[in-house]
Amino acid sequence: MNKLPKMPRLARRDRKRPVVQPQPEYKRFDLLQRSEHILFLLSFTLLALTGLPQKFPLSPISDWIFGMLGGVETARAIHHLSAIAMIIMSTVHILEVPYRLIVFRTPITMIPWLDDVRHVWDDILYYLGFRKHKAYYGRYSYAEKMEYLSLIWGTVVMAITGFMMWNPITTLKFLPGEAIPAAKAAHGGEALLAVLAIIIWHFYHVHIKMFNKSMFTGYMSREEMHHEHPAELAAIDEGKKVAPKIPLKTLTLRRLMYLPFAGVTLAAAGFALFYLVDYENTAINYAPPGETAKVFAPLPTQTPLPTQAVPTPAALTWTSFVGPLLQQKCTVCHGVNGVAGLNLTTYSDAMKGATTGPVIVSNDAANSLLYQIQSAGGHPGQLQANELEFIKQWIDAGAPEN
């Protein structure tokens, strides 16, 4: 009898090491669904980064974002392009969902049913201590379904109100004048609500409580399925989730049934994008840059300011000199509702400073923001050299009013 070959002896450390079986993975999302999510995520992020600064333009963060983007006009252009991208992705989703329903007969799993009411009740009992475990969710929990429906609702509201603000003249042909400010309020409020919902609700449940990577990888582990979707996992184990094989003839017939819906949807989306992007050009657009060529334009006669000698400390006060000078040069931008909260129309307002703090520090011109900005040059209300010297003398003398 032939002897069996001897198996090689395992090293001691190999004999003690437990054999780890690879954990099975379950497919959750295909490539199209993951691509939709990523592109929608990018467009939503760009809309938030460029839209909220326009809602809160006086915020220092908004000013910083505008500076990083190259101005409010660039932010506005990015906002519009991101809105178009989101509309395109929404159209793709509108085409995809009926295709799965009509052609592949995929069950409707993202719409709340009576089972979700029972799941809500089970979770309430669990949180109150009357149940030992949470509800057994299927493919999607009631929280995921409500988040999906809120996304649809928010996209519809943002698209309609965005169209109204982008095309105000067309809108006012059918609606009263109050529709435009109402659309602006609804657009900004819904945007703020959406951003807060993503940061507070979505980030916690998807990225913090348990980092769910299935929307990026397409798969979930058995442990994740057991924790998040136990009812679906049980159906998979029982063989109830196997997709039936559909004959090619049946698929072809179903696709022909789907074509009219797809054609009407694409035509409506194309028509809407045409109206949104290129239909109306109104005065809401920003004015073009001013003329850069030198033009002769005589200035009105003004009382000349002293140029030979610096006024004496007794004469160099806000009332006699500094106030009229700043009101003449600066109050176009820094009047009653001044930029950055700076109002230079009165002495008390000037000493209050801007939203960032005082701009005039008595007896210390070098550390006064007013003097620092003017010394840098290039300011829209730039003072002449002799005028700036008078401001310095006045601040170093204690910035007297009278």
Protein backbone atom coordinates (compact mmCIF):
# COMPACT_ATOMS: atom_id res chain seq x y z
CA MET A 1 0.00 0.00 0.00
CA ASN A 2 1.33 3.41 -0.97
CA LYS A 3 1.92 5.71 1.92
CA LEU A 4 0.38 9.19 1.86
CA PRO A 5 2.92 12.01 1.71
CA LYS A 6 3.60 13.63 5.02
CA MET A 7 2.18 17.13 5.43
CA PRO A 8 4.77 19.78 6.32
CA ARG A 9 4.91 20.59 10.01
CA LEU A 10 3.55 24.01 10.87
CA ALA A 11 5.64 26.36 12.90
CA ARG A 12 4.57 26.70 16.51
CA ARG A 13 3.37 30.25 15.99
CA ASP A 14 1.32 29.15 12.96
CA ARG A 15 -0.33 26.33 14.91
CA LYS A 16 -1.44 28.72 17.63
CA ARG A 17 -2.69 31.44 15.27
CA PRO A 18 -6.48 31.16 14.75
CA VAL A 19 -7.72 30.88 11.19
CA VAL A 20 -9.71 34.03 10.34
CA GLN A 21 -12.47 33.47 7.82
CA PRO A 22 -13.22 36.36 5.48
CA GLN A 23 -16.39 38.13 6.46
CA PRO A 24 -19.10 38.04 3.77
CA GLU A 25 -20.20 41.31 2.19
CA TYR A 26 -23.61 42.24 0.89
CA LYS A 27 -24.14 44.56 -2.06
CA ARG A 28 -26.16 47.64 -1.22
CA PHE A 29 -25.65 50.11 -4.08
CA ASP A 30 -24.51 49.75 -7.68
CA LEU A 31 -22.16 52.06 -9.57
CA LEU A 32 -24.90 54.38 -10.83
CA GLN A 33 -26.32 54.94 -7.36
CA ARG A 34 -22.88 55.62 -5.90
CA SER A 35 -22.05 58.03 -8.73
CA GLU A 36 -25.32 59.90 -8.16
CA HIS A 37 -24.53 60.24 -4.47
CA ILE A 38 -21.00 61.58 -5.03
CA LEU A 39 -22.04 64.09 -7.71
CA PHE A 40 -25.02 65.23 -5.63
CA LEU A 41 -22.71 65.58 -2.62
CA LEU A 42 -20.30 67.77 -4.61
CA SER A 43 -23.02 70.01 -6.04
CA PHE A 44 -24.71 70.37 -2.63
CA THR A 45 -21.40 71.33 -0.99
CA LEU A 46 -20.64 73.97 -3.63
CA LEU A 47 -24.17 75.36 -3.34
CA ALA A 48 -23.80 75.67 0.43
CA LEU A 49 -20.32 77.25 0.26
CA THR A 50 -21.41 79.84 -2.31
CA GLY A 51 -25.02 80.36 -1.24
CA LEU A 52 -24.82 80.91 2.50
CA PRO A 53 -22.23 83.72 2.16
CA GLN A 54 -24.70 85.49 -0.13
CA LYS A 55 -27.40 85.07 2.51
CA PHE A 56 -25.10 86.48 5.23
CA PRO A 57 -22.87 88.91 3.25
CA LEU A 58 -21.72 90.95 6.26
CA SER A 59 -20.30 87.95 8.10
CA PRO A 60 -16.47 87.87 8.31
CA ILE A 61 -16.55 84.25 7.13
CA SER A 62 -18.57 85.28 4.07
CA ASP A 63 -16.09 88.04 3.32
CA TRP A 64 -13.24 85.51 3.56
CA ILE A 65 -15.02 83.06 1.23
CA PHE A 66 -15.67 85.79 -1.33
CA GLY A 67 -12.00 86.73 -1.16
CA MET A 68 -10.91 83.11 -1.67
CA LEU A 69 -13.23 82.73 -4.68
CA GLY A 70 -12.26 86.03 -6.27
CA GLY A 71 -15.37 88.05 -5.52
CA VAL A 72 -19.12 87.70 -5.18
CA GLU A 73 -19.62 87.45 -8.96
CA THR A 74 -17.45 84.31 -9.09
CA ALA A 75 -19.34 82.84 -6.13
CA ARG A 76 -22.60 83.59 -7.93
CA ALA A 77 -21.41 81.90 -11.13
CA ILE A 78 -20.29 78.78 -9.20
CA HIS A 79 -23.63 78.75 -7.40
CA HIS A 80 -25.54 78.79 -10.68
CA LEU A 81 -23.39 76.05 -12.25
CA SER A 82 -23.81 73.88 -9.14
CA ALA A 83 -27.57 74.40 -9.29
CA ILE A 84 -27.60 73.24 -12.92
CA ALA A 85 -25.54 70.17 -11.94
CA MET A 86 -28.00 69.34 -9.14
CA ILE A 87 -30.95 69.66 -11.52
CA ILE A 88 -29.24 67.33 -13.99
CA MET A 89 -28.55 64.77 -11.25
CA SER A 90 -32.15 65.04 -10.05
CA THR A 91 -33.32 64.37 -13.61
CA VAL A 92 -31.08 61.30 -13.79
CA HIS A 93 -32.61 60.05 -10.54
CA ILE A 94 -36.13 60.68 -11.84
CA LEU A 95 -35.25 58.57 -14.89
CA GLU A 96 -33.50 55.85 -12.90
CA VAL A 97 -36.16 55.05 -10.30
CA PRO A 98 -39.02 54.34 -12.75
CA TYR A 99 -36.60 52.34 -14.91
CA ARG A 100 -35.88 50.01 -12.00
CA LEU A 101 -39.58 49.78 -11.19
CA ILE A 102 -40.86 49.22 -14.73
CA VAL A 103 -38.07 47.14 -16.26
CA PHE A 104 -36.66 45.13 -13.34
CA ARG A 105 -39.74 45.27 -11.06
CA THR A 106 -37.59 46.40 -8.16
CA PRO A 107 -39.71 46.71 -4.97
CA ILE A 108 -40.46 50.21 -3.71
CA THR A 109 -38.38 50.36 -0.54
CA MET A 110 -37.74 54.10 0.01
CA ILE A 111 -41.39 55.09 0.58
CA PRO A 112 -42.78 54.84 4.15
CA TRP A 113 -45.28 52.01 4.74
CA LEU A 114 -47.32 50.81 7.70
CA ASP A 115 -44.36 48.74 8.89
CA ASP A 116 -42.45 51.99 9.49
CA VAL A 117 -45.16 53.18 11.89
CA ARG A 118 -44.67 49.95 13.85
CA HIS A 119 -40.88 50.44 13.76
CA VAL A 120 -41.25 53.95 15.19
CA TRP A 121 -43.37 52.55 18.02
CA ASP A 122 -40.88 49.74 18.68
CA ASP A 123 -38.00 52.22 18.88
CA ILE A 124 -39.94 54.44 21.29
CA LEU A 125 -40.50 51.43 23.54
CA TYR A 126 -36.80 50.53 23.25
CA TYR A 127 -35.63 54.01 24.23
CA LEU A 128 -38.06 54.01 27.16
CA GLY A 129 -36.67 50.68 28.34
CA PHE A 130 -39.68 48.47 27.52
CA ARG A 131 -37.93 46.53 24.73
CA LYS A 132 -34.57 44.80 24.67
CA HIS A 133 -33.73 45.71 21.10
CA LYS A 134 -34.61 48.28 18.48
CA ALA A 135 -36.96 47.62 15.57
CA TYR A 136 -35.87 45.19 12.86
CA TYR A 137 -35.39 47.40 9.82
CA GLY A 138 -35.61 46.14 6.27
CA ARG A 139 -33.63 47.58 3.39
CA TYR A 140 -34.16 51.13 4.71
CA SER A 141 -35.20 52.39 8.12
CA TYR A 142 -37.92 54.96 8.63
CA ALA A 143 -35.25 57.57 9.42
CA GLU A 144 -33.52 56.96 6.08
CA LYS A 145 -36.85 57.15 4.27
CA MET A 146 -37.75 60.45 5.90
CA GLU A 147 -34.32 61.86 5.06
CA TYR A 148 -34.82 60.78 1.44
CA LEU A 149 -38.24 62.43 1.26
CA SER A 150 -36.87 65.63 2.84
CA LEU A 151 -34.15 65.65 0.18
CA ILE A 152 -36.80 65.46 -2.55
CA TRP A 153 -38.87 68.18 -0.91
CA GLY A 154 -35.85 70.45 -0.42
CA THR A 155 -34.67 69.99 -4.00
CA VAL A 156 -38.12 70.89 -5.36
CA VAL A 157 -38.35 74.01 -3.16
CA MET A 158 -34.83 75.13 -4.02
CA ALA A 159 -35.36 74.58 -7.75
CA ILE A 160 -38.65 76.52 -7.88
CA THR A 161 -37.51 79.45 -5.74
CA GLY A 162 -34.13 79.54 -7.49
CA PHE A 163 -35.89 79.74 -10.87
CA MET A 164 -38.06 82.60 -9.57
CA MET A 165 -35.04 84.63 -8.43
CA TRP A 166 -33.07 83.82 -11.59
CA ASN A 167 -36.00 84.88 -13.81
CA PRO A 168 -37.92 87.54 -11.85
CA ILE A 169 -39.55 89.23 -14.86
CA THR A 170 -40.98 85.95 -16.13
CA THR A 171 -42.13 85.11 -12.60
CA LEU A 172 -43.95 88.43 -12.19
CA LYS A 173 -45.95 87.78 -15.35
CA PHE A 174 -47.84 85.13 -13.39
CA LEU A 175 -47.35 86.07 -9.72
CA PRO A 176 -47.58 89.33 -7.71
CA GLY A 177 -44.50 91.34 -6.80
CA GLU A 178 -44.33 89.85 -3.30
CA ALA A 179 -43.39 86.50 -4.87
CA ILE A 180 -39.73 87.44 -5.39
CA PRO A 181 -38.89 88.41 -1.75
CA ALA A 182 -40.96 85.42 -0.61
CA ALA A 183 -38.92 83.16 -2.90
CA LYS A 184 -35.71 84.68 -1.54
CA ALA A 185 -36.78 84.02 2.06
CA ALA A 186 -37.87 80.45 1.27
CA HIS A 187 -34.68 79.72 -0.70
CA GLY A 188 -32.38 80.96 2.06
CA GLY A 189 -34.36 79.33 4.85
CA GLU A 190 -34.52 75.95 3.11
CA ALA A 191 -30.80 76.14 2.35
CA LEU A 192 -29.97 76.79 6.00
CA LEU A 193 -32.28 73.97 7.09
CA ALA A 194 -30.68 71.55 4.62
CA VAL A 195 -27.13 72.36 5.72
CA LEU A 196 -28.01 72.00 9.40
CA ALA A 197 -29.82 68.70 8.73
CA ILE A 198 -26.76 67.31 6.95
CA ILE A 199 -24.31 68.46 9.64
CA ILE A 200 -26.41 67.51 12.69
CA TRP A 201 -28.55 64.56 11.58
CA HIS A 202 -26.87 62.91 8.60
CA PHE A 203 -23.27 63.22 9.82
CA TYR A 204 -24.13 61.69 13.20
CA HIS A 205 -26.22 58.75 12.00
CA VAL A 206 -24.06 57.87 8.99
CA HIS A 207 -20.51 59.00 9.81
CA ILE A 208 -20.18 59.27 13.61
CA LYS A 209 -22.46 56.69 15.24
CA MET A 210 -21.18 54.04 12.83
CA PHE A 211 -19.18 54.97 9.77
CA ASN A 212 -21.28 53.64 6.89
CA LYS A 213 -19.08 53.33 3.79
CA SER A 214 -21.60 51.46 1.63
CA MET A 215 -22.48 54.52 -0.45
CA PHE A 216 -18.83 54.73 -1.48
CA THR A 217 -17.84 51.04 -1.65
CA GLY A 218 -21.25 49.60 -2.52
CA TYR A 219 -21.08 46.87 0.15
CA MET A 220 -21.82 46.29 3.83
CA SER A 221 -20.36 43.63 6.09
CA ARG A 222 -22.54 41.04 7.83
CA GLU A 223 -22.00 42.75 11.18
CA GLU A 224 -23.12 46.09 9.71
CA MET A 225 -26.15 44.47 8.10
CA HIS A 226 -27.05 42.76 11.39
CA HIS A 227 -26.85 46.10 13.19
CA GLU A 228 -28.52 48.37 10.62
CA HIS A 229 -30.80 46.12 8.51
CA PRO A 230 -31.48 42.86 10.40
CA ALA A 231 -34.77 42.12 8.62
CA GLU A 232 -33.14 42.35 5.19
CA LEU A 233 -30.24 40.16 6.37
CA ALA A 234 -32.72 37.52 7.57
CA ALA A 235 -34.48 37.60 4.20
CA ILE A 236 -31.15 37.14 2.42
CA ASP A 237 -30.26 34.18 4.63
CA GLU A 238 -33.65 32.59 3.89
CA GLY A 239 -33.12 33.02 0.14
CA LYS A 240 -35.97 35.52 -0.28
CA LYS A 241 -33.80 38.28 -1.80
CA VAL A 242 -32.64 36.44 -4.92
CA ALA A 243 -33.47 38.51 -8.02
CA PRO A 244 -35.47 36.47 -10.56
CA LYS A 245 -34.06 35.99 -14.04
CA ILE A 246 -36.09 38.00 -16.56
CA PRO A 247 -36.29 36.75 -20.17
CA LEU A 248 -34.79 39.06 -22.79
CA LYS A 249 -38.11 39.40 -24.60
CA THR A 250 -39.80 40.58 -21.41
CA LEU A 251 -37.00 43.09 -20.74
CA THR A 252 -37.33 44.49 -24.27
CA LEU A 253 -41.09 44.90 -23.90
CA ARG A 254 -40.73 46.66 -20.55
CA ARG A 255 -38.09 49.02 -21.95
CA LEU A 256 -40.43 49.99 -24.76
CA MET A 257 -43.06 50.76 -22.13
CA TYR A 258 -40.54 52.94 -20.31
CA LEU A 259 -39.43 54.99 -23.35
CA PRO A 260 -42.42 57.44 -23.45
CA PHE A 261 -41.87 58.39 -19.81
CA ALA A 262 -38.14 58.93 -20.41
CA GLY A 263 -38.79 61.06 -23.50
CA VAL A 264 -41.30 63.34 -21.75
CA THR A 265 -39.01 63.72 -18.70
CA LEU A 266 -35.96 64.62 -20.80
CA ALA A 267 -37.94 67.12 -22.86
CA ALA A 268 -39.33 68.81 -19.73
CA ALA A 269 -35.89 68.93 -18.09
CA GLY A 270 -34.28 70.40 -21.22
CA PHE A 271 -37.02 73.02 -21.51
CA ALA A 272 -36.61 73.97 -17.84
CA LEU A 273 -32.84 74.29 -18.14
CA PHE A 274 -33.24 76.52 -21.21
CA TYR A 275 -35.50 78.89 -19.30
CA LEU A 276 -33.26 78.79 -16.26
CA VAL A 277 -29.94 79.44 -17.94
CA ASP A 278 -30.44 81.57 -21.04
CA TYR A 279 -33.98 82.90 -21.13
CA GLU A 280 -33.82 86.11 -19.16
CA ASN A 281 -31.13 88.78 -18.68
CA THR A 282 -32.28 91.36 -16.16
CA ALA A 283 -30.97 94.27 -14.15
CA ILE A 284 -30.39 91.88 -11.27
CA ASN A 285 -27.08 91.05 -12.95
CA TYR A 286 -24.11 92.92 -11.57
CA ALA A 287 -23.03 96.04 -13.44
CA PRO A 288 -20.01 95.61 -15.76
CA PRO A 289 -16.63 96.93 -14.58
CA GLY A 290 -16.23 100.68 -14.90
CA GLU A 291 -14.23 102.47 -17.57
CA THR A 292 -10.50 102.15 -16.96
CA ALA A 293 -9.38 104.90 -19.37
CA LYS A 294 -8.55 108.31 -17.94
CA VAL A 295 -11.44 110.70 -18.50
CA PHE A 296 -11.36 114.45 -17.89
CA ALA A 297 -14.13 115.30 -15.45
CA PRO A 298 -13.74 118.60 -13.57
CA LEU A 299 -14.60 118.29 -9.92
CA PRO A 300 -16.97 120.77 -8.30
CA THR A 301 -15.31 123.64 -6.53
CA GLN A 302 -14.54 122.76 -2.92
CA THR A 303 -13.07 124.69 -0.06
CA PRO A 304 -9.36 123.84 -0.17
CA LEU A 305 -7.96 122.10 2.84
CA PRO A 306 -4.85 123.48 4.57
CA THR A 307 -1.72 122.34 2.80
CA GLN A 308 1.08 124.45 4.24
CA ALA A 309 1.04 123.93 7.98
CA VAL A 310 -0.51 121.39 10.30
CA PRO A 311 -3.30 123.00 12.36
CA THR A 312 -2.57 123.62 15.99
CA PRO A 313 -3.83 120.98 18.46
CA ALA A 314 -6.55 123.37 19.60
CA ALA A 315 -7.92 123.76 16.05
CA LEU A 316 -7.45 120.08 15.01
CA THR A 317 -10.71 118.58 16.31
CA TRP A 318 -13.49 116.40 14.96
CA THR A 319 -15.93 119.30 14.70
CA SER A 320 -13.60 121.78 13.00
CA PHE A 321 -11.62 119.52 10.68
CA VAL A 322 -11.65 115.72 10.96
CA GLY A 323 -15.43 115.21 10.82
CA PRO A 324 -16.04 117.21 7.62
CA LEU A 325 -13.00 115.54 6.01
CA LEU A 326 -14.16 111.98 6.72
CA GLN A 327 -17.76 112.80 5.82
CA GLN A 328 -16.56 114.10 2.46
CA LYS A 329 -14.22 111.21 1.68
CA CYS A 330 -15.63 108.15 3.50
CA THR A 331 -19.37 108.25 4.16
CA VAL A 332 -20.28 106.91 0.71
CA CYS A 333 -19.27 103.49 2.03
CA HIS A 334 -19.23 104.19 5.77
CA GLY A 335 -22.48 106.04 6.34
CA VAL A 336 -25.45 105.12 8.51
CA ASN A 337 -25.47 101.51 7.22
CA GLY A 338 -21.75 101.39 6.65
CA VAL A 339 -19.69 98.55 5.29
CA ALA A 340 -18.43 96.27 8.10
CA GLY A 341 -20.60 98.23 10.54
CA LEU A 342 -18.40 101.35 10.41
CA ASN A 343 -20.30 104.67 10.53
CA LEU A 344 -18.21 107.86 10.22
CA THR A 345 -21.05 110.40 10.07
CA THR A 346 -20.78 111.40 13.75
CA TYR A 347 -18.02 111.47 16.34
CA SER A 348 -19.71 108.95 18.67
CA ASP A 349 -20.32 106.50 15.82
CA ALA A 350 -16.74 106.82 14.60
CA MET A 351 -15.37 106.11 18.08
CA LYS A 352 -17.57 102.99 18.36
CA GLY A 353 -15.69 101.49 15.44
CA ALA A 354 -16.67 98.62 13.17
CA THR A 355 -17.98 95.11 13.82
CA THR A 356 -14.38 93.96 14.25
CA GLY A 357 -13.59 96.56 16.93
CA PRO A 358 -12.42 100.19 17.31
CA VAL A 359 -10.81 101.89 14.33
CA ILE A 360 -9.58 104.94 16.27
CA VAL A 361 -7.33 104.42 19.32
CA SER A 362 -6.83 107.72 21.14
CA ASN A 363 -3.18 108.84 21.50
CA ASP A 364 -2.02 105.94 19.30
CA ALA A 365 -2.37 106.53 15.56
CA ALA A 366 0.04 103.71 14.69
CA ASN A 367 -2.34 101.13 16.18
CA SER A 368 -5.52 102.76 14.84
CA LEU A 369 -7.11 100.72 12.06
CA LEU A 370 -8.29 103.90 10.30
CA TYR A 371 -4.72 105.19 9.99
CA GLN A 372 -3.30 101.74 9.11
CA ILE A 373 -5.71 101.17 6.20
CA GLN A 374 -5.20 104.66 4.83
CA SER A 375 -1.43 104.36 5.16
CA ALA A 376 -1.47 101.19 3.04
CA GLY A 377 -2.90 103.17 0.09
CA GLY A 378 -5.30 102.13 -2.64
CA HIS A 379 -8.42 102.60 -0.50
CA PRO A 380 -11.62 103.65 -2.37
CA GLY A 381 -11.82 106.76 -0.14
CA GLN A 382 -8.06 107.35 -0.06
CA LEU A 383 -6.90 110.48 1.77
CA GLN A 384 -4.14 112.68 0.43
CA ALA A 385 -0.77 112.65 2.15
CA ASN A 386 -1.32 115.94 3.96
CA GLU A 387 -4.84 114.90 5.02
CA LEU A 388 -3.52 111.63 6.41
CA GLU A 389 -0.90 113.56 8.38
CA PHE A 390 -3.66 115.69 9.92
CA ILE A 391 -5.55 112.49 10.93
CA LYS A 392 -2.38 111.15 12.56
CA GLN A 393 -1.82 114.41 14.48
CA TRP A 394 -5.46 114.42 15.61
CA ILE A 395 -5.41 110.80 16.89
CA ASP A 396 -2.06 111.28 18.67
CA ALA A 397 -3.51 114.38 20.33
CA GLY A 398 -6.27 112.25 21.89
CA ALA A 399 -8.84 112.44 19.05
CA PRO A 400 -10.76 115.41 20.59
CA GLU A 401 -14.29 116.13 19.48
CA ASN A 402 -14.45 119.90 20.17
